[in-house]
Amino acid sequence: VAGIAARPVLGNFIAGMQIAFSQPIRIDDVLIVHGEWGR
């Protein structure tokens, strides 16, 4: 149960490592997310 509950946390942790190295986004990048324009 704890492993299932912690899956989103671990998923975000691994996603953070992927973003740090592959960098699909960066600080101050201009994005269109869910139809919204923002930085």
All heavy atoms as atom14 arrays in JSON, in Angstrom:
{
  "sequence": "VAGIAARPVLGNFIAGMQIAFSQPIRIDDVLIVHGEWGR",
  "atom14_mask": [
    [1, 1, 1, 1, 1, 1, 1, 0, 0, 0, 0, 0, 0, 0],
    [1, 1, 1, 1, 1, 0, 0, 0, 0, 0, 0, 0, 0, 0],
    [1, 1, 1, 1, 0, 0, 0, 0, 0, 0, 0, 0, 0, 0],
    [1, 1, 1, 1, 1, 1, 1, 1, 0, 0, 0, 0, 0, 0],
    [1, 1, 1, 1, 1, 0, 0, 0, 0, 0, 0, 0, 0, 0],
    [1, 1, 1, 1, 1, 0, 0, 0, 0, 0, 0, 0, 0, 0],
    [1, 1, 1, 1, 1, 1, 1, 1, 1, 1, 1, 0, 0, 0],
    [1, 1, 1, 1, 1, 1, 1, 0, 0, 0, 0, 0, 0, 0],
    [1, 1, 1, 1, 1, 1, 1, 0, 0, 0, 0, 0, 0, 0],
    [1, 1, 1, 1, 1, 1, 1, 1, 0, 0, 0, 0, 0, 0],
    [1, 1, 1, 1, 0, 0, 0, 0, 0, 0, 0, 0, 0, 0],
    [1, 1, 1, 1, 1, 1, 1, 1, 0, 0, 0, 0, 0, 0],
    [1, 1, 1, 1, 1, 1, 1, 1, 1, 1, 1, 0, 0, 0],
    [1, 1, 1, 1, 1, 1, 1, 1, 0, 0, 0, 0, 0, 0],
    [1, 1, 1, 1, 1, 0, 0, 0, 0, 0, 0, 0, 0, 0],
    [1, 1, 1, 1, 0, 0, 0, 0, 0, 0, 0, 0, 0, 0],
    [1, 1, 1, 1, 1, 1, 1, 1, 0, 0, 0, 0, 0, 0],
    [1, 1, 1, 1, 1, 1, 1, 1, 1, 0, 0, 0, 0, 0],
    [1, 1, 1, 1, 1, 1, 1, 1, 0, 0, 0, 0, 0, 0],
    [1, 1, 1, 1, 1, 0, 0, 0, 0, 0, 0, 0, 0, 0],
    [1, 1, 1, 1, 1, 1, 1, 1, 1, 1, 1, 0, 0, 0],
    [1, 1, 1, 1, 1, 1, 0, 0, 0, 0, 0, 0, 0, 0],
    [1, 1, 1, 1, 1, 1, 1, 1, 1, 0, 0, 0, 0, 0],
    [1, 1, 1, 1, 1, 1, 1, 0, 0, 0, 0, 0, 0, 0],
    [1, 1, 1, 1, 1, 1, 1, 1, 0, 0, 0, 0, 0, 0],
    [1, 1, 1, 1, 1, 1, 1, 1, 1, 1, 1, 0, 0, 0],
    [1, 1, 1, 1, 1, 1, 1, 1, 0, 0, 0, 0, 0, 0],
    [1, 1, 1, 1, 1, 1, 1, 1, 0, 0, 0, 0, 0, 0],
    [1, 1, 1, 1, 1, 1, 1, 1, 0, 0, 0, 0, 0, 0],
    [1, 1, 1, 1, 1, 1, 1, 0, 0, 0, 0, 0, 0, 0],
    [1, 1, 1, 1, 1, 1, 1, 1, 0, 0, 0, 0, 0, 0],
    [1, 1, 1, 1, 1, 1, 1, 1, 0, 0, 0, 0, 0, 0],
    [1, 1, 1, 1, 1, 1, 1, 0, 0, 0, 0, 0, 0, 0],
    [1, 1, 1, 1, 1, 1, 1, 1, 1, 1, 0, 0, 0, 0],
    [1, 1, 1, 1, 0, 0, 0, 0, 0, 0, 0, 0, 0, 0],
    [1, 1, 1, 1, 1, 1, 1, 1, 1, 0, 0, 0, 0, 0],
    [1, 1, 1, 1, 1, 1, 1, 1, 1, 1, 1, 1, 1, 1],
    [1, 1, 1, 1, 0, 0, 0, 0, 0, 0, 0, 0, 0, 0],
    [1, 1, 1, 1, 1, 1, 1, 1, 1, 1, 1, 0, 0, 0]
  ],
  "atom14_positions": [
    [[0.83, -1.2, 0.0], [0.0, 0.0, 0.0], [0.86, 1.25, 0.0], [0.61, 2.23, -0.72], [-0.96, -0.02, 1.21], [-1.7, 1.31, 1.32], [-1.94, -1.17, 1.07], [0.0, 0.0, 0.0], [0.0, 0.0, 0.0], [0.0, 0.0, 0.0], [0.0, 0.0, 0.0], [0.0, 0.0, 0.0], [0.0, 0.0, 0.0], [0.0, 0.0, 0.0]],
    [[1.93, 1.23, 0.82], [2.82, 2.39, 0.87], [3.51, 2.62, -0.46], [3.7, 3.74, -0.9], [3.87, 2.19, 1.99], [0.0, 0.0, 0.0], [0.0, 0.0, 0.0], [0.0, 0.0, 0.0], [0.0, 0.0, 0.0], [0.0, 0.0, 0.0], [0.0, 0.0, 0.0], [0.0, 0.0, 0.0], [0.0, 0.0, 0.0], [0.0, 0.0, 0.0]],
    [[3.9, 1.51, -1.11], [4.54, 1.65, -2.42], [3.61, 2.25, -3.45], [4.0, 3.11, -4.25], [0.0, 0.0, 0.0], [0.0, 0.0, 0.0], [0.0, 0.0, 0.0], [0.0, 0.0, 0.0], [0.0, 0.0, 0.0], [0.0, 0.0, 0.0], [0.0, 0.0, 0.0], [0.0, 0.0, 0.0], [0.0, 0.0, 0.0], [0.0, 0.0, 0.0]],
    [[2.34, 1.8, -3.44], [1.36, 2.37, -4.37], [1.12, 3.84, -4.06], [1.01, 4.69, -4.96], [0.05, 1.56, -4.31], [0.3, 0.13, -4.81], [-1.04, 2.23, -5.14], [-0.9, -0.78, -4.66], [0.0, 0.0, 0.0], [0.0, 0.0, 0.0], [0.0, 0.0, 0.0], [0.0, 0.0, 0.0], [0.0, 0.0, 0.0], [0.0, 0.0, 0.0]],
    [[1.04, 4.17, -2.78], [0.81, 5.56, -2.4], [1.99, 6.45, -2.76], [1.81, 7.63, -3.1], [0.54, 5.65, -0.89], [0.0, 0.0, 0.0], [0.0, 0.0, 0.0], [0.0, 0.0, 0.0], [0.0, 0.0, 0.0], [0.0, 0.0, 0.0], [0.0, 0.0, 0.0], [0.0, 0.0, 0.0], [0.0, 0.0, 0.0], [0.0, 0.0, 0.0]],
    [[3.2, 5.89, -2.71], [4.39, 6.69, -3.0], [4.72, 6.74, -4.47], [5.66, 7.42, -4.86], [5.59, 6.11, -2.23], [0.0, 0.0, 0.0], [0.0, 0.0, 0.0], [0.0, 0.0, 0.0], [0.0, 0.0, 0.0], [0.0, 0.0, 0.0], [0.0, 0.0, 0.0], [0.0, 0.0, 0.0], [0.0, 0.0, 0.0], [0.0, 0.0, 0.0]],
    [[3.94, 6.06, -5.31], [4.25, 6.03, -6.74], [4.27, 7.42, -7.38], [5.17, 7.74, -8.14], [3.26, 5.13, -7.46], [3.58, 4.91, -8.93], [2.6, 3.93, -9.54], [1.23, 4.42, -9.45], [0.67, 5.26, -10.32], [1.38, 5.7, -11.34], [-0.57, 5.65, -10.17], [0.0, 0.0, 0.0], [0.0, 0.0, 0.0], [0.0, 0.0, 0.0]],
    [[3.29, 8.3, -7.09], [3.37, 9.64, -7.68], [4.61, 10.41, -7.23], [5.21, 11.14, -8.01], [2.08, 10.32, -7.2], [1.15, 9.19, -6.88], [2.04, 8.09, -6.35], [0.0, 0.0, 0.0], [0.0, 0.0, 0.0], [0.0, 0.0, 0.0], [0.0, 0.0, 0.0], [0.0, 0.0, 0.0], [0.0, 0.0, 0.0], [0.0, 0.0, 0.0]],
    [[4.99, 10.24, -5.95], [6.17, 10.94, -5.45], [7.43, 10.45, -6.16], [8.26, 11.24, -6.63], [6.29, 10.76, -3.92], [7.55, 11.44, -3.4], [5.05, 11.31, -3.22], [0.0, 0.0, 0.0], [0.0, 0.0, 0.0], [0.0, 0.0, 0.0], [0.0, 0.0, 0.0], [0.0, 0.0, 0.0], [0.0, 0.0, 0.0], [0.0, 0.0, 0.0]],
    [[7.56, 9.13, -6.26], [8.73, 8.58, -6.95], [8.71, 8.92, -8.43], [9.75, 9.18, -9.03], [8.77, 7.06, -6.74], [8.95, 6.58, -5.3], [8.88, 5.05, -5.24], [10.27, 7.08, -4.73], [0.0, 0.0, 0.0], [0.0, 0.0, 0.0], [0.0, 0.0, 0.0], [0.0, 0.0, 0.0], [0.0, 0.0, 0.0], [0.0, 0.0, 0.0]],
    [[7.5, 8.92, -9.01], [7.41, 9.29, -10.43], [7.84, 10.71, -10.67], [8.56, 11.0, -11.64], [0.0, 0.0, 0.0], [0.0, 0.0, 0.0], [0.0, 0.0, 0.0], [0.0, 0.0, 0.0], [0.0, 0.0, 0.0], [0.0, 0.0, 0.0], [0.0, 0.0, 0.0], [0.0, 0.0, 0.0], [0.0, 0.0, 0.0], [0.0, 0.0, 0.0]],
    [[7.43, 11.63, -9.79], [7.85, 13.02, -9.94], [9.35, 13.18, -9.7], [10.0, 14.0, -10.33], [7.06, 13.91, -8.98], [5.65, 14.19, -9.47], [5.42, 14.32, -10.67], [4.71, 14.27, -8.55], [0.0, 0.0, 0.0], [0.0, 0.0, 0.0], [0.0, 0.0, 0.0], [0.0, 0.0, 0.0], [0.0, 0.0, 0.0], [0.0, 0.0, 0.0]],
    [[9.88, 12.39, -8.75], [11.33, 12.46, -8.48], [12.12, 12.03, -9.71], [13.08, 12.69, -10.13], [11.67, 11.57, -7.29], [13.14, 11.52, -6.98], [13.77, 12.57, -6.34], [13.89, 10.41, -7.35], [15.13, 12.52, -6.06], [15.25, 10.36, -7.07], [15.87, 11.42, -6.42], [0.0, 0.0, 0.0], [0.0, 0.0, 0.0], [0.0, 0.0, 0.0]],
    [[11.72, 10.91, -10.33], [12.4, 10.43, -11.53], [12.19, 11.41, -12.69], [13.11, 11.69, -13.47], [11.9, 9.03, -11.9], [12.28, 8.04, -10.78], [12.49, 8.57, -13.22], [11.71, 6.65, -10.96], [0.0, 0.0, 0.0], [0.0, 0.0, 0.0], [0.0, 0.0, 0.0], [0.0, 0.0, 0.0], [0.0, 0.0, 0.0], [0.0, 0.0, 0.0]],
    [[10.98, 11.97, -12.79], [10.72, 12.95, -13.84], [11.58, 14.2, -13.65], [12.06, 14.79, -14.63], [9.24, 13.33, -13.84], [0.0, 0.0, 0.0], [0.0, 0.0, 0.0], [0.0, 0.0, 0.0], [0.0, 0.0, 0.0], [0.0, 0.0, 0.0], [0.0, 0.0, 0.0], [0.0, 0.0, 0.0], [0.0, 0.0, 0.0], [0.0, 0.0, 0.0]],
    [[11.8, 14.58, -12.4], [12.67, 15.72, -12.14], [14.1, 15.47, -12.59], [14.76, 16.35, -13.15], [0.0, 0.0, 0.0], [0.0, 0.0, 0.0], [0.0, 0.0, 0.0], [0.0, 0.0, 0.0], [0.0, 0.0, 0.0], [0.0, 0.0, 0.0], [0.0, 0.0, 0.0], [0.0, 0.0, 0.0], [0.0, 0.0, 0.0], [0.0, 0.0, 0.0]],
    [[14.59, 14.25, -12.37], [15.93, 13.91, -12.85], [15.98, 13.93, -14.38], [16.96, 14.41, -14.97], [16.32, 12.53, -12.33], [16.35, 12.42, -10.81], [17.57, 13.53, -10.06], [19.09, 12.79, -10.64], [0.0, 0.0, 0.0], [0.0, 0.0, 0.0], [0.0, 0.0, 0.0], [0.0, 0.0, 0.0], [0.0, 0.0, 0.0], [0.0, 0.0, 0.0]],
    [[14.92, 13.44, -15.03], [14.89, 13.48, -16.49], [14.86, 14.91, -17.01], [15.55, 15.24, -17.98], [13.65, 12.73, -17.0], [13.72, 11.22, -16.82], [12.47, 10.54, -17.33], [11.44, 10.51, -16.65], [12.54, 10.01, -18.54], [0.0, 0.0, 0.0], [0.0, 0.0, 0.0], [0.0, 0.0, 0.0], [0.0, 0.0, 0.0], [0.0, 0.0, 0.0]],
    [[14.09, 15.76, -16.36], [14.03, 17.16, -16.79], [15.36, 17.85, -16.58], [15.8, 18.67, -17.39], [12.9, 17.88, -16.03], [11.54, 17.39, -16.54], [13.0, 19.39, -16.17], [10.36, 17.96, -15.79], [0.0, 0.0, 0.0], [0.0, 0.0, 0.0], [0.0, 0.0, 0.0], [0.0, 0.0, 0.0], [0.0, 0.0, 0.0], [0.0, 0.0, 0.0]],
    [[16.07, 17.5, -15.49], [17.36, 18.13, -15.22], [18.38, 17.81, -16.29], [19.19, 18.66, -16.67], [17.87, 17.69, -13.84], [0.0, 0.0, 0.0], [0.0, 0.0, 0.0], [0.0, 0.0, 0.0], [0.0, 0.0, 0.0], [0.0, 0.0, 0.0], [0.0, 0.0, 0.0], [0.0, 0.0, 0.0], [0.0, 0.0, 0.0], [0.0, 0.0, 0.0]],
    [[18.35, 16.59, -16.83], [19.37, 16.18, -17.79], [18.92, 16.39, -19.24], [19.69, 16.88, -20.07], [19.76, 14.73, -17.55], [20.56, 14.52, -16.29], [19.97, 13.99, -15.16], [21.9, 14.89, -16.24], [20.7, 13.81, -13.99], [22.63, 14.72, -15.07], [22.04, 14.18, -13.95], [0.0, 0.0, 0.0], [0.0, 0.0, 0.0], [0.0, 0.0, 0.0]],
    [[17.69, 16.01, -19.57], [17.23, 16.18, -20.96], [16.69, 17.58, -21.23], [16.72, 18.04, -22.37], [16.14, 15.15, -21.27], [15.02, 15.32, -20.42], [0.0, 0.0, 0.0], [0.0, 0.0, 0.0], [0.0, 0.0, 0.0], [0.0, 0.0, 0.0], [0.0, 0.0, 0.0], [0.0, 0.0, 0.0], [0.0, 0.0, 0.0], [0.0, 0.0, 0.0]],
    [[16.19, 18.26, -20.21], [15.74, 19.64, -20.27], [14.71, 19.93, -21.36], [14.96, 20.74, -22.26], [16.96, 20.56, -20.43], [17.87, 20.54, -19.25], [18.54, 21.88, -19.02], [18.74, 22.65, -19.94], [18.92, 22.14, -17.8], [0.0, 0.0, 0.0], [0.0, 0.0, 0.0], [0.0, 0.0, 0.0], [0.0, 0.0, 0.0], [0.0, 0.0, 0.0]],
    [[13.55, 19.3, -21.31], [12.47, 19.75, -22.19], [11.94, 21.12, -21.8], [11.36, 21.83, -22.62], [11.41, 18.67, -22.01], [11.67, 18.11, -20.64], [13.16, 18.18, -20.46], [0.0, 0.0, 0.0], [0.0, 0.0, 0.0], [0.0, 0.0, 0.0], [0.0, 0.0, 0.0], [0.0, 0.0, 0.0], [0.0, 0.0, 0.0], [0.0, 0.0, 0.0]],
    [[12.11, 21.49, -20.52], [11.74, 22.82, -20.05], [12.88, 23.36, -19.2], [13.67, 22.61, -18.63], [10.43, 22.81, -19.23], [10.57, 21.88, -18.02], [9.26, 22.41, -20.1], [9.39, 21.95, -17.07], [0.0, 0.0, 0.0], [0.0, 0.0, 0.0], [0.0, 0.0, 0.0], [0.0, 0.0, 0.0], [0.0, 0.0, 0.0], [0.0, 0.0, 0.0]],
    [[12.93, 24.7, -19.12], [13.92, 25.39, -18.29], [13.25, 26.56, -17.6], [12.15, 26.96, -17.96], [15.09, 25.89, -19.15], [15.95, 24.81, -19.77], [17.01, 25.43, -20.67], [16.37, 26.1, -21.79], [16.16, 25.53, -22.98], [16.53, 24.29, -23.19], [15.59, 26.21, -23.95], [0.0, 0.0, 0.0], [0.0, 0.0, 0.0], [0.0, 0.0, 0.0]],
    [[13.94, 27.11, -16.62], [13.44, 28.3, -15.96], [13.29, 29.42, -16.99], [14.18, 29.64, -17.81], [14.39, 28.74, -14.83], [14.51, 27.66, -13.76], [13.92, 30.05, -14.2], [13.22, 27.36, -13.04], [0.0, 0.0, 0.0], [0.0, 0.0, 0.0], [0.0, 0.0, 0.0], [0.0, 0.0, 0.0], [0.0, 0.0, 0.0], [0.0, 0.0, 0.0]],
    [[12.16, 30.12, -16.97], [11.85, 31.25, -17.84], [11.52, 30.83, -19.27], [11.42, 31.68, -20.16], [12.99, 32.28, -17.84], [12.49, 33.69, -18.17], [11.41, 34.04, -17.69], [13.18, 34.42, -18.91], [0.0, 0.0, 0.0], [0.0, 0.0, 0.0], [0.0, 0.0, 0.0], [0.0, 0.0, 0.0], [0.0, 0.0, 0.0], [0.0, 0.0, 0.0]],
    [[11.36, 29.55, -19.54], [10.9, 29.11, -20.86], [9.45, 29.54, -21.06], [8.66, 29.61, -20.11], [11.0, 27.59, -20.98], [12.3, 27.15, -21.62], [13.05, 28.03, -22.08], [12.58, 25.94, -21.66], [0.0, 0.0, 0.0], [0.0, 0.0, 0.0], [0.0, 0.0, 0.0], [0.0, 0.0, 0.0], [0.0, 0.0, 0.0], [0.0, 0.0, 0.0]],
    [[9.1, 29.81, -22.31], [7.72, 30.17, -22.67], [7.02, 28.9, -23.14], [7.45, 28.25, -24.1], [7.7, 31.23, -23.78], [6.25, 31.52, -24.2], [8.36, 32.52, -23.29], [0.0, 0.0, 0.0], [0.0, 0.0, 0.0], [0.0, 0.0, 0.0], [0.0, 0.0, 0.0], [0.0, 0.0, 0.0], [0.0, 0.0, 0.0], [0.0, 0.0, 0.0]],
    [[5.93, 28.53, -22.46], [5.22, 27.29, -22.74], [3.76, 27.56, -23.08], [3.19, 28.57, -22.66], [5.28, 26.34, -21.53], [6.65, 26.0, -20.94], [6.46, 25.05, -19.77], [7.57, 25.41, -21.98], [0.0, 0.0, 0.0], [0.0, 0.0, 0.0], [0.0, 0.0, 0.0], [0.0, 0.0, 0.0], [0.0, 0.0, 0.0], [0.0, 0.0, 0.0]],
    [[3.19, 26.62, -23.82], [1.74, 26.55, -24.0], [1.3, 25.25, -23.34], [1.55, 24.16, -23.85], [1.35, 26.57, -25.48], [1.89, 27.82, -26.17], [-0.17, 26.5, -25.61], [1.3, 29.11, -25.64], [0.0, 0.0, 0.0], [0.0, 0.0, 0.0], [0.0, 0.0, 0.0], [0.0, 0.0, 0.0], [0.0, 0.0, 0.0], [0.0, 0.0, 0.0]],
    [[0.64, 25.37, -22.18], [0.21, 24.21, -21.4], [-1.29, 24.31, -21.19], [-1.77, 25.32, -20.65], [0.95, 24.15, -20.05], [0.49, 22.94, -19.26], [2.45, 24.11, -20.26], [0.0, 0.0, 0.0], [0.0, 0.0, 0.0], [0.0, 0.0, 0.0], [0.0, 0.0, 0.0], [0.0, 0.0, 0.0], [0.0, 0.0, 0.0], [0.0, 0.0, 0.0]],
    [[-2.01, 23.29, -21.63], [-3.47, 23.28, -21.5], [-4.08, 24.53, -22.15], [-5.06, 25.1, -21.62], [-3.9, 23.17, -20.04], [-3.51, 21.89, -19.38], [-3.9, 20.65, -19.83], [-2.73, 21.64, -18.28], [-3.41, 19.71, -19.05], [-2.68, 20.28, -18.12], [0.0, 0.0, 0.0], [0.0, 0.0, 0.0], [0.0, 0.0, 0.0], [0.0, 0.0, 0.0]],
    [[-3.5, 24.97, -23.26], [-4.02, 26.13, -23.96], [-3.66, 27.46, -23.34], [-4.12, 28.51, -23.81], [0.0, 0.0, 0.0], [0.0, 0.0, 0.0], [0.0, 0.0, 0.0], [0.0, 0.0, 0.0], [0.0, 0.0, 0.0], [0.0, 0.0, 0.0], [0.0, 0.0, 0.0], [0.0, 0.0, 0.0], [0.0, 0.0, 0.0], [0.0, 0.0, 0.0]],
    [[-2.84, 27.46, -22.3], [-2.45, 28.69, -21.61], [-1.01, 29.06, -21.98], [-0.13, 28.21, -22.0], [-2.57, 28.54, -20.09], [-3.98, 28.25, -19.59], [-4.83, 29.51, -19.56], [-4.33, 30.57, -19.96], [-6.0, 29.4, -19.13], [0.0, 0.0, 0.0], [0.0, 0.0, 0.0], [0.0, 0.0, 0.0], [0.0, 0.0, 0.0], [0.0, 0.0, 0.0]],
    [[-0.79, 30.37, -22.24], [0.55, 30.89, -22.53], [1.17, 31.39, -21.24], [0.56, 32.16, -20.5], [0.44, 32.03, -23.54], [1.75, 32.63, -23.98], [2.45, 32.34, -25.11], [2.52, 33.64, -23.31], [3.6, 33.09, -25.19], [3.67, 33.9, -24.08], [2.36, 34.34, -22.11], [4.64, 34.84, -23.72], [3.33, 35.26, -21.73], [4.44, 35.5, -22.53]],
    [[2.38, 30.94, -20.94], [3.02, 31.41, -19.72], [4.5, 31.07, -19.7], [5.03, 30.41, -20.62], [0.0, 0.0, 0.0], [0.0, 0.0, 0.0], [0.0, 0.0, 0.0], [0.0, 0.0, 0.0], [0.0, 0.0, 0.0], [0.0, 0.0, 0.0], [0.0, 0.0, 0.0], [0.0, 0.0, 0.0], [0.0, 0.0, 0.0], [0.0, 0.0, 0.0]],
    [[5.18, 31.52, -18.67], [6.6, 31.29, -18.48], [6.84, 30.39, -17.26], [6.1, 30.48, -16.27], [7.37, 32.6, -18.29], [7.41, 33.48, -19.54], [8.22, 34.75, -19.29], [8.3, 35.57, -20.47], [9.23, 35.46, -21.41], [10.18, 34.55, -21.27], [9.23, 36.25, -22.47], [0.0, 0.0, 0.0], [0.0, 0.0, 0.0], [0.0, 0.0, 0.0]]
  ]
}
